[in-house]
Amino acid sequence: MRIVSHRKLKEFYERPGHEDSKVALERWYHAAEEADWHNFAEMKQDFGSVDSVGNQHYVFNIGGNKYRMVVVVKFVMGYIFIRFVGTHQEYDKIDAKSI
């Protein structure tokens, strides 16, 4: 899969207090980059905790469920768009279906 944009991950784990997310986010990035998902079921096989929230938006638990990431996946095109990376408190303030 092609992931747009790695910069959002880096900006998040470089923020003070979020340095502990770096390994988990980079691990997710490399696993997703190597994947060739054609549907949600295939993605769920690799990441069992991923949830579909509708409108092609998916939520991943990161770092032992300490952080959340929302992505848009265009399976036909093979693209993943990172829309949000944050804590659970930050996640609770967004609409994951439309971000």
PDB file of N, CA and C in Angstrom:
ATOM      1  N   MET A   1       0.851  -1.176   0.000  1.00  0.00           N
ATOM      2  CA  MET A   1       0.000   0.000   0.000  1.00  0.00           C
ATOM      3  C   MET A   1       0.899   1.242   0.000  1.00  0.00           C
ATOM      4  N   ARG A   2       0.385   2.288  -0.590  1.00  0.00           N
ATOM      5  CA  ARG A   2       1.102   3.573  -0.587  1.00  0.00           C
ATOM      6  C   ARG A   2       0.481   4.442   0.491  1.00  0.00           C
ATOM      7  N   ILE A   3       1.313   4.965   1.391  1.00  0.00           N
ATOM      8  CA  ILE A   3       0.821   5.721   2.537  1.00  0.00           C
ATOM      9  C   ILE A   3       1.132   7.199   2.386  1.00  0.00           C
ATOM     10  N   VAL A   4       0.100   8.013   2.544  1.00  0.00           N
ATOM     11  CA  VAL A   4       0.205   9.471   2.489  1.00  0.00           C
ATOM     12  C   VAL A   4      -0.278   9.983   3.853  1.00  0.00           C
ATOM     13  N   SER A   5       0.420  10.548   4.704  1.00  0.00           N
ATOM     14  CA  SER A   5       1.772  11.001   4.670  1.00  0.00           C
ATOM     15  C   SER A   5       2.472  10.552   5.941  1.00  0.00           C
ATOM     16  N   HIS A   6       3.699  10.134   5.804  1.00  0.00           N
ATOM     17  CA  HIS A   6       4.511   9.704   6.947  1.00  0.00           C
ATOM     18  C   HIS A   6       4.769  10.872   7.901  1.00  0.00           C
ATOM     19  N   ARG A   7       4.751  12.062   7.366  1.00  0.00           N
ATOM     20  CA  ARG A   7       5.037  13.271   8.162  1.00  0.00           C
ATOM     21  C   ARG A   7       4.104  13.393   9.370  1.00  0.00           C
ATOM     22  N   LYS A   8       2.822  13.015   9.220  1.00  0.00           N
ATOM     23  CA  LYS A   8       1.887  13.115  10.343  1.00  0.00           C
ATOM     24  C   LYS A   8       2.305  12.222  11.498  1.00  0.00           C
ATOM     25  N   LEU A   9       2.823  11.048  11.173  1.00  0.00           N
ATOM     26  CA  LEU A   9       3.294  10.158  12.232  1.00  0.00           C
ATOM     27  C   LEU A   9       4.479  10.774  12.953  1.00  0.00           C
ATOM     28  N   LYS A  10       5.431  11.261  12.170  1.00  0.00           N
ATOM     29  CA  LYS A  10       6.646  11.848  12.738  1.00  0.00           C
ATOM     30  C   LYS A  10       6.320  13.070  13.593  1.00  0.00           C
ATOM     31  N   GLU A  11       5.440  13.920  13.105  1.00  0.00           N
ATOM     32  CA  GLU A  11       5.056  15.100  13.882  1.00  0.00           C
ATOM     33  C   GLU A  11       4.451  14.705  15.220  1.00  0.00           C
ATOM     34  N   PHE A  12       3.675  13.615  15.220  1.00  0.00           N
ATOM     35  CA  PHE A  12       3.051  13.178  16.461  1.00  0.00           C
ATOM     36  C   PHE A  12       4.081  12.635  17.441  1.00  0.00           C
ATOM     37  N   TYR A  13       4.914  11.693  16.996  1.00  0.00           N
ATOM     38  CA  TYR A  13       5.830  11.087  17.968  1.00  0.00           C
ATOM     39  C   TYR A  13       6.986  11.996  18.353  1.00  0.00           C
ATOM     40  N   GLU A  14       7.166  13.105  17.667  1.00  0.00           N
ATOM     41  CA  GLU A  14       8.174  14.072  18.077  1.00  0.00           C
ATOM     42  C   GLU A  14       7.630  15.109  19.061  1.00  0.00           C
ATOM     43  N   ARG A  15       6.316  15.117  19.274  1.00  0.00           N
ATOM     44  CA  ARG A  15       5.725  16.016  20.264  1.00  0.00           C
ATOM     45  C   ARG A  15       6.126  15.562  21.664  1.00  0.00           C
ATOM     46  N   PRO A  16       6.444  16.496  22.531  1.00  0.00           N
ATOM     47  CA  PRO A  16       6.801  16.122  23.904  1.00  0.00           C
ATOM     48  C   PRO A  16       5.697  15.282  24.552  1.00  0.00           C
ATOM     49  N   GLY A  17       6.109  14.191  25.169  1.00  0.00           N
ATOM     50  CA  GLY A  17       5.161  13.320  25.845  1.00  0.00           C
ATOM     51  C   GLY A  17       4.641  12.174  24.990  1.00  0.00           C
ATOM     52  N   HIS A  18       4.950  12.189  23.683  1.00  0.00           N
ATOM     53  CA  HIS A  18       4.466  11.131  22.799  1.00  0.00           C
ATOM     54  C   HIS A  18       5.595  10.313  22.176  1.00  0.00           C
ATOM     55  N   GLU A  19       6.787  10.495  22.689  1.00  0.00           N
ATOM     56  CA  GLU A  19       7.944   9.802  22.136  1.00  0.00           C
ATOM     57  C   GLU A  19       7.788   8.280  22.196  1.00  0.00           C
ATOM     58  N   ASP A  20       7.011   7.808  23.177  1.00  0.00           N
ATOM     59  CA  ASP A  20       6.827   6.359  23.335  1.00  0.00           C
ATOM     60  C   ASP A  20       6.003   5.737  22.207  1.00  0.00           C
ATOM     61  N   SER A  21       5.388   6.552  21.371  1.00  0.00           N
ATOM     62  CA  SER A  21       4.586   6.029  20.262  1.00  0.00           C
ATOM     63  C   SER A  21       5.417   5.755  19.009  1.00  0.00           C
ATOM     64  N   LYS A  22       6.667   6.194  18.990  1.00  0.00           N
ATOM     65  CA  LYS A  22       7.476   6.106  17.776  1.00  0.00           C
ATOM     66  C   LYS A  22       7.618   4.670  17.263  1.00  0.00           C
ATOM     67  N   VAL A  23       8.000   3.755  18.119  1.00  0.00           N
ATOM     68  CA  VAL A  23       8.221   2.372  17.679  1.00  0.00           C
ATOM     69  C   VAL A  23       6.929   1.777  17.129  1.00  0.00           C
ATOM     70  N   ALA A  24       5.830   1.945  17.838  1.00  0.00           N
ATOM     71  CA  ALA A  24       4.552   1.378  17.397  1.00  0.00           C
ATOM     72  C   ALA A  24       4.083   1.996  16.076  1.00  0.00           C
ATOM     73  N   LEU A  25       4.212   3.303  15.938  1.00  0.00           N
ATOM     74  CA  LEU A  25       3.786   3.966  14.699  1.00  0.00           C
ATOM     75  C   LEU A  25       4.660   3.562  13.520  1.00  0.00           C
ATOM     76  N   GLU A  26       5.953   3.485  13.736  1.00  0.00           N
ATOM     77  CA  GLU A  26       6.843   3.075  12.645  1.00  0.00           C
ATOM     78  C   GLU A  26       6.613   1.612  12.268  1.00  0.00           C
ATOM     79  N   ARG A  27       6.342   0.784  13.263  1.00  0.00           N
ATOM     80  CA  ARG A  27       6.027  -0.615  12.985  1.00  0.00           C
ATOM     81  C   ARG A  27       4.757  -0.718  12.142  1.00  0.00           C
ATOM     82  N   TRP A  28       3.717   0.051  12.523  1.00  0.00           N
ATOM     83  CA  TRP A  28       2.471   0.066  11.751  1.00  0.00           C
ATOM     84  C   TRP A  28       2.754   0.542  10.324  1.00  0.00           C
ATOM     85  N   TYR A  29       3.521   1.600  10.202  1.00  0.00           N
ATOM     86  CA  TYR A  29       3.814   2.179   8.887  1.00  0.00           C
ATOM     87  C   TYR A  29       4.461   1.148   7.967  1.00  0.00           C
ATOM     88  N   HIS A  30       5.472   0.473   8.449  1.00  0.00           N
ATOM     89  CA  HIS A  30       6.185  -0.481   7.606  1.00  0.00           C
ATOM     90  C   HIS A  30       5.326  -1.704   7.278  1.00  0.00           C
ATOM     91  N   ALA A  31       4.527  -2.164   8.223  1.00  0.00           N
ATOM     92  CA  ALA A  31       3.637  -3.300   7.954  1.00  0.00           C
ATOM     93  C   ALA A  31       2.572  -2.916   6.926  1.00  0.00           C
ATOM     94  N   ALA A  32       2.001  -1.736   7.070  1.00  0.00           N
ATOM     95  CA  ALA A  32       0.970  -1.282   6.128  1.00  0.00           C
ATOM     96  C   ALA A  32       1.560  -1.025   4.746  1.00  0.00           C
ATOM     97  N   GLU A  33       2.756  -0.496   4.712  1.00  0.00           N
ATOM     98  CA  GLU A  33       3.429  -0.220   3.444  1.00  0.00           C
ATOM     99  C   GLU A  33       3.696  -1.511   2.663  1.00  0.00           C
ATOM    100  N   GLU A  34       4.002  -2.577   3.360  1.00  0.00           N
ATOM    101  CA  GLU A  34       4.277  -3.866   2.723  1.00  0.00           C
ATOM    102  C   GLU A  34       3.001  -4.631   2.363  1.00  0.00           C
ATOM    103  N   ALA A  35       1.890  -4.232   2.942  1.00  0.00           N
ATOM    104  CA  ALA A  35       0.628  -4.951   2.734  1.00  0.00           C
ATOM    105  C   ALA A  35       0.076  -4.720   1.327  1.00  0.00           C
ATOM    106  N   ASP A  36      -0.790  -5.633   0.933  1.00  0.00           N
ATOM    107  CA  ASP A  36      -1.489  -5.516  -0.350  1.00  0.00           C
ATOM    108  C   ASP A  36      -2.963  -5.836  -0.103  1.00  0.00           C
ATOM    109  N   TRP A  37      -3.592  -4.986   0.710  1.00  0.00           N
ATOM    110  CA  TRP A  37      -4.976  -5.215   1.095  1.00  0.00           C
ATOM    111  C   TRP A  37      -5.925  -4.867  -0.039  1.00  0.00           C
ATOM    112  N   HIS A  38      -6.938  -5.708  -0.197  1.00  0.00           N
ATOM    113  CA  HIS A  38      -7.979  -5.450  -1.182  1.00  0.00           C
ATOM    114  C   HIS A  38      -9.320  -5.167  -0.522  1.00  0.00           C
ATOM    115  N   ASN A  39      -9.399  -5.394   0.790  1.00  0.00           N
ATOM    116  CA  ASN A  39     -10.652  -5.156   1.523  1.00  0.00           C
ATOM    117  C   ASN A  39     -10.371  -5.112   3.024  1.00  0.00           C
ATOM    118  N   PHE A  40     -11.410  -4.778   3.770  1.00  0.00           N
ATOM    119  CA  PHE A  40     -11.281  -4.640   5.220  1.00  0.00           C
ATOM    120  C   PHE A  40     -10.900  -5.962   5.880  1.00  0.00           C
ATOM    121  N   ALA A  41     -11.439  -7.068   5.402  1.00  0.00           N
ATOM    122  CA  ALA A  41     -11.138  -8.373   5.999  1.00  0.00           C
ATOM    123  C   ALA A  41      -9.643  -8.676   5.939  1.00  0.00           C
ATOM    124  N   GLU A  42      -9.000  -8.362   4.829  1.00  0.00           N
ATOM    125  CA  GLU A  42      -7.558  -8.585   4.708  1.00  0.00           C
ATOM    126  C   GLU A  42      -6.782  -7.682   5.665  1.00  0.00           C
ATOM    127  N   MET A  43      -7.228  -6.454   5.808  1.00  0.00           N
ATOM    128  CA  MET A  43      -6.571  -5.530   6.732  1.00  0.00           C
ATOM    129  C   MET A  43      -6.745  -6.027   8.170  1.00  0.00           C
ATOM    130  N   LYS A  44      -7.922  -6.535   8.471  1.00  0.00           N
ATOM    131  CA  LYS A  44      -8.230  -7.041   9.816  1.00  0.00           C
ATOM    132  C   LYS A  44      -7.374  -8.263  10.151  1.00  0.00           C
ATOM    133  N   GLN A  45      -6.992  -9.042   9.161  1.00  0.00           N
ATOM    134  CA  GLN A  45      -6.105 -10.186   9.415  1.00  0.00           C
ATOM    135  C   GLN A  45      -4.741  -9.728   9.924  1.00  0.00           C
ATOM    136  N   ASP A  46      -4.248  -8.614   9.395  1.00  0.00           N
ATOM    137  CA  ASP A  46      -2.946  -8.083   9.822  1.00  0.00           C
ATOM    138  C   ASP A  46      -3.037  -7.276  11.109  1.00  0.00           C
ATOM    139  N   PHE A  47      -4.129  -6.559  11.279  1.00  0.00           N
ATOM    140  CA  PHE A  47      -4.337  -5.700  12.451  1.00  0.00           C
ATOM    141  C   PHE A  47      -5.707  -6.018  13.038  1.00  0.00           C
ATOM    142  N   GLY A  48      -5.728  -6.952  13.954  1.00  0.00           N
ATOM    143  CA  GLY A  48      -6.984  -7.434  14.521  1.00  0.00           C
ATOM    144  C   GLY A  48      -7.804  -6.392  15.246  1.00  0.00           C
ATOM    145  N   SER A  49      -7.172  -5.335  15.727  1.00  0.00           N
ATOM    146  CA  SER A  49      -7.907  -4.331  16.500  1.00  0.00           C
ATOM    147  C   SER A  49      -8.435  -3.180  15.646  1.00  0.00           C
ATOM    148  N   VAL A  50      -8.205  -3.221  14.336  1.00  0.00           N
ATOM    149  CA  VAL A  50      -8.689  -2.130  13.490  1.00  0.00           C
ATOM    150  C   VAL A  50     -10.216  -2.171  13.423  1.00  0.00           C
ATOM    151  N   ASP A  51     -10.827  -0.985  13.434  1.00  0.00           N
ATOM    152  CA  ASP A  51     -12.284  -0.864  13.334  1.00  0.00           C
ATOM    153  C   ASP A  51     -12.650   0.009  12.155  1.00  0.00           C
ATOM    154  N   SER A  52     -13.712  -0.378  11.481  1.00  0.00           N
ATOM    155  CA  SER A  52     -14.268   0.447  10.417  1.00  0.00           C
ATOM    156  C   SER A  52     -15.301   1.364  11.042  1.00  0.00           C
ATOM    157  N   VAL A  53     -15.186   2.670  10.764  1.00  0.00           N
ATOM    158  CA  VAL A  53     -16.152   3.625  11.309  1.00  0.00           C
ATOM    159  C   VAL A  53     -17.021   4.227  10.211  1.00  0.00           C
ATOM    160  N   GLY A  54     -16.888   3.695   8.997  1.00  0.00           N
ATOM    161  CA  GLY A  54     -17.706   4.163   7.878  1.00  0.00           C
ATOM    162  C   GLY A  54     -16.982   5.168   7.011  1.00  0.00           C
ATOM    163  N   ASN A  55     -17.508   5.363   5.811  1.00  0.00           N
ATOM    164  CA  ASN A  55     -16.975   6.345   4.870  1.00  0.00           C
ATOM    165  C   ASN A  55     -15.497   6.095   4.544  1.00  0.00           C
ATOM    166  N   GLN A  56     -15.110   4.817   4.461  1.00  0.00           N
ATOM    167  CA  GLN A  56     -13.736   4.400   4.151  1.00  0.00           C
ATOM    168  C   GLN A  56     -12.725   4.822   5.213  1.00  0.00           C
ATOM    169  N   HIS A  57     -13.205   5.132   6.417  1.00  0.00           N
ATOM    170  CA  HIS A  57     -12.349   5.536   7.528  1.00  0.00           C
ATOM    171  C   HIS A  57     -12.173   4.351   8.480  1.00  0.00           C
ATOM    172  N   TYR A  58     -10.922   4.164   8.943  1.00  0.00           N
ATOM    173  CA  TYR A  58     -10.585   3.049   9.818  1.00  0.00           C
ATOM    174  C   TYR A  58      -9.772   3.559  10.997  1.00  0.00           C
ATOM    175  N   VAL A  59     -10.016   2.976  12.169  1.00  0.00           N
ATOM    176  CA  VAL A  59      -9.346   3.397  13.394  1.00  0.00           C
ATOM    177  C   VAL A  59      -8.440   2.271  13.873  1.00  0.00           C
ATOM    178  N   PHE A  60      -7.177   2.615  14.109  1.00  0.00           N
ATOM    179  CA  PHE A  60      -6.194   1.680  14.631  1.00  0.00           C
ATOM    180  C   PHE A  60      -5.843   2.073  16.065  1.00  0.00           C
ATOM    181  N   ASN A  61      -5.741   1.082  16.934  1.00  0.00           N
ATOM    182  CA  ASN A  61      -5.207   1.292  18.275  1.00  0.00           C
ATOM    183  C   ASN A  61      -3.694   1.144  18.171  1.00  0.00           C
ATOM    184  N   ILE A  62      -2.989   2.110  18.718  1.00  0.00           N
ATOM    185  CA  ILE A  62      -1.532   2.163  18.598  1.00  0.00           C
ATOM    186  C   ILE A  62      -0.913   2.150  19.994  1.00  0.00           C
ATOM    187  N   GLY A  63       0.202   1.463  20.118  1.00  0.00           N
ATOM    188  CA  GLY A  63       0.958   1.484  21.372  1.00  0.00           C
ATOM    189  C   GLY A  63       0.201   0.873  22.530  1.00  0.00           C
ATOM    190  N   GLY A  64      -0.346  -0.326  22.323  1.00  0.00           N
ATOM    191  CA  GLY A  64      -1.088  -0.979  23.398  1.00  0.00           C
ATOM    192  C   GLY A  64      -2.365  -0.250  23.738  1.00  0.00           C
ATOM    193  N   ASN A  65      -2.983   0.353  22.736  1.00  0.00           N
ATOM    194  CA  ASN A  65      -4.251   1.071  22.862  1.00  0.00           C
ATOM    195  C   ASN A  65      -4.097   2.409  23.598  1.00  0.00           C
ATOM    196  N   LYS A  66      -2.880   2.918  23.659  1.00  0.00           N
ATOM    197  CA  LYS A  66      -2.642   4.224  24.292  1.00  0.00           C
ATOM    198  C   LYS A  66      -2.982   5.372  23.342  1.00  0.00           C
ATOM    199  N   TYR A  67      -2.814   5.120  22.047  1.00  0.00           N
ATOM    200  CA  TYR A  67      -3.061   6.142  21.029  1.00  0.00           C
ATOM    201  C   TYR A  67      -4.016   5.605  19.980  1.00  0.00           C
ATOM    202  N   ARG A  68      -4.576   6.517  19.204  1.00  0.00           N
ATOM    203  CA  ARG A  68      -5.465   6.146  18.108  1.00  0.00           C
ATOM    204  C   ARG A  68      -5.013   6.832  16.828  1.00  0.00           C
ATOM    205  N   MET A  69      -5.233   6.118  15.732  1.00  0.00           N
ATOM    206  CA  MET A  69      -4.922   6.671  14.416  1.00  0.00           C
ATOM    207  C   MET A  69      -6.117   6.415  13.506  1.00  0.00           C
ATOM    208  N   VAL A  70      -6.521   7.445  12.770  1.00  0.00           N
ATOM    209  CA  VAL A  70      -7.611   7.321  11.805  1.00  0.00           C
ATOM    210  C   VAL A  70      -7.013   7.457  10.418  1.00  0.00           C
ATOM    211  N   VAL A  71      -7.346   6.502   9.563  1.00  0.00           N
ATOM    212  CA  VAL A  71      -6.861   6.536   8.184  1.00  0.00           C
ATOM    213  C   VAL A  71      -8.038   6.337   7.238  1.00  0.00           C
ATOM    214  N   VAL A  72      -7.866   6.840   6.028  1.00  0.00           N
ATOM    215  CA  VAL A  72      -8.788   6.561   4.933  1.00  0.00           C
ATOM    216  C   VAL A  72      -8.065   5.592   4.021  1.00  0.00           C
ATOM    217  N   VAL A  73      -8.728   4.485   3.682  1.00  0.00           N
ATOM    218  CA  VAL A  73      -8.110   3.485   2.825  1.00  0.00           C
ATOM    219  C   VAL A  73      -8.889   3.386   1.525  1.00  0.00           C
ATOM    220  N   LYS A  74      -8.189   3.588   0.429  1.00  0.00           N
ATOM    221  CA  LYS A  74      -8.739   3.419  -0.919  1.00  0.00           C
ATOM    222  C   LYS A  74      -8.181   2.103  -1.445  1.00  0.00           C
ATOM    223  N   PHE A  75      -8.888   1.007  -1.174  1.00  0.00           N
ATOM    224  CA  PHE A  75      -8.390  -0.321  -1.502  1.00  0.00           C
ATOM    225  C   PHE A  75      -8.109  -0.489  -2.988  1.00  0.00           C
ATOM    226  N   VAL A  76      -8.999   0.003  -3.840  1.00  0.00           N
ATOM    227  CA  VAL A  76      -8.835  -0.169  -5.285  1.00  0.00           C
ATOM    228  C   VAL A  76      -7.565   0.525  -5.778  1.00  0.00           C
ATOM    229  N   MET A  77      -7.287   1.695  -5.242  1.00  0.00           N
ATOM    230  CA  MET A  77      -6.109   2.465  -5.639  1.00  0.00           C
ATOM    231  C   MET A  77      -4.846   2.003  -4.907  1.00  0.00           C
ATOM    232  N   GLY A  78      -5.025   1.343  -3.761  1.00  0.00           N
ATOM    233  CA  GLY A  78      -3.873   0.927  -2.962  1.00  0.00           C
ATOM    234  C   GLY A  78      -3.267   2.056  -2.147  1.00  0.00           C
ATOM    235  N   TYR A  79      -4.091   3.016  -1.736  1.00  0.00           N
ATOM    236  CA  TYR A  79      -3.611   4.178  -0.989  1.00  0.00           C
ATOM    237  C   TYR A  79      -4.189   4.210   0.418  1.00  0.00           C
ATOM    238  N   ILE A  80      -3.363   4.677   1.365  1.00  0.00           N
ATOM    239  CA  ILE A  80      -3.788   4.944   2.735  1.00  0.00           C
ATOM    240  C   ILE A  80      -3.475   6.407   3.017  1.00  0.00           C
ATOM    241  N   PHE A  81      -4.483   7.131   3.481  1.00  0.00           N
ATOM    242  CA  PHE A  81      -4.314   8.533   3.840  1.00  0.00           C
ATOM    243  C   PHE A  81      -4.432   8.647   5.355  1.00  0.00           C
ATOM    244  N   ILE A  82      -3.364   9.064   6.013  1.00  0.00           N
ATOM    245  CA  ILE A  82      -3.375   9.243   7.463  1.00  0.00           C
ATOM    246  C   ILE A  82      -4.083  10.559   7.749  1.00  0.00           C
ATOM    247  N   ARG A  83      -5.187  10.464   8.482  1.00  0.00           N
ATOM    248  CA  ARG A  83      -5.997  11.651   8.749  1.00  0.00           C
ATOM    249  C   ARG A  83      -5.822  12.191  10.167  1.00  0.00           C
ATOM    250  N   PHE A  84      -5.495  11.297  11.118  1.00  0.00           N
ATOM    251  CA  PHE A  84      -5.405  11.723  12.511  1.00  0.00           C
ATOM    252  C   PHE A  84      -4.531  10.754  13.287  1.00  0.00           C
ATOM    253  N   VAL A  85      -3.703  11.296  14.168  1.00  0.00           N
ATOM    254  CA  VAL A  85      -2.951  10.514  15.148  1.00  0.00           C
ATOM    255  C   VAL A  85      -3.062  11.274  16.459  1.00  0.00           C
ATOM    256  N   GLY A  86      -3.478  10.586  17.514  1.00  0.00           N
ATOM    257  CA  GLY A  86      -3.622  11.290  18.776  1.00  0.00           C
ATOM    258  C   GLY A  86      -3.907  10.377  19.940  1.00  0.00           C
ATOM    259  N   THR A  87      -4.085  10.985  21.090  1.00  0.00           N
ATOM    260  CA  THR A  87      -4.438  10.254  22.303  1.00  0.00           C
ATOM    261  C   THR A  87      -5.925   9.925  22.263  1.00  0.00           C
ATOM    262  N   HIS A  88      -6.364   9.107  23.199  1.00  0.00           N
ATOM    263  CA  HIS A  88      -7.795   8.789  23.284  1.00  0.00           C
ATOM    264  C   HIS A  88      -8.610  10.054  23.555  1.00  0.00           C
ATOM    265  N   GLN A  89      -8.094  10.930  24.403  1.00  0.00           N
ATOM    266  CA  GLN A  89      -8.805  12.184  24.700  1.00  0.00           C
ATOM    267  C   GLN A  89      -8.953  13.032  23.448  1.00  0.00           C
ATOM    268  N   GLU A  90      -7.911  13.132  22.651  1.00  0.00           N
ATOM    269  CA  GLU A  90      -7.971  13.898  21.402  1.00  0.00           C
ATOM    270  C   GLU A  90      -8.914  13.227  20.415  1.00  0.00           C
ATOM    271  N   TYR A  91      -8.876  11.897  20.367  1.00  0.00           N
ATOM    272  CA  TYR A  91      -9.746  11.135  19.467  1.00  0.00           C
ATOM    273  C   TYR A  91     -11.220  11.363  19.809  1.00  0.00           C
ATOM    274  N   ASP A  92     -11.532  11.438  21.088  1.00  0.00           N
ATOM    275  CA  ASP A  92     -12.918  11.632  21.519  1.00  0.00           C
ATOM    276  C   ASP A  92     -13.499  12.960  21.066  1.00  0.00           C
ATOM    277  N   LYS A  93     -12.650  13.906  20.669  1.00  0.00           N
ATOM    278  CA  LYS A  93     -13.101  15.235  20.243  1.00  0.00           C
ATOM    279  C   LYS A  93     -13.317  15.352  18.747  1.00  0.00           C
ATOM    280  N   ILE A  94     -13.030  14.288  17.991  1.00  0.00           N
ATOM    281  CA  ILE A  94     -13.160  14.365  16.535  1.00  0.00           C
ATOM    282  C   ILE A  94     -14.300  13.472  16.060  1.00  0.00           C
ATOM    283  N   ASP A  95     -14.714  13.692  14.820  1.00  0.00           N
ATOM    284  CA  ASP A  95     -15.656  12.792  14.155  1.00  0.00           C
ATOM    285  C   ASP A  95     -14.826  11.923  13.229  1.00  0.00           C
ATOM    286  N   ALA A  96     -14.550  10.701  13.651  1.00  0.00           N
ATOM    287  CA  ALA A  96     -13.635   9.817  12.913  1.00  0.00           C
ATOM    288  C   ALA A  96     -14.135   9.482  11.518  1.00  0.00           C
ATOM    289  N   LYS A  97     -15.435   9.620  11.262  1.00  0.00           N
ATOM    290  CA  LYS A  97     -15.987   9.296   9.946  1.00  0.00           C
ATOM    291  C   LYS A  97     -15.731  10.390   8.910  1.00  0.00           C
ATOM    292  N   SER A  98     -15.469  11.593   9.390  1.00  0.00           N
ATOM    293  CA  SER A  98     -15.375  12.698   8.432  1.00  0.00           C
ATOM    294  C   SER A  98     -14.062  13.470   8.492  1.00  0.00           C
ATOM    295  N   ILE A  99     -13.178  13.103   9.403  1.00  0.00           N
ATOM    296  CA  ILE A  99     -11.932  13.847   9.539  1.00  0.00           C
ATOM    297  C   ILE A  99     -11.045  13.670   8.306  1.00  0.00           C
TER     298      ILE A  99
END
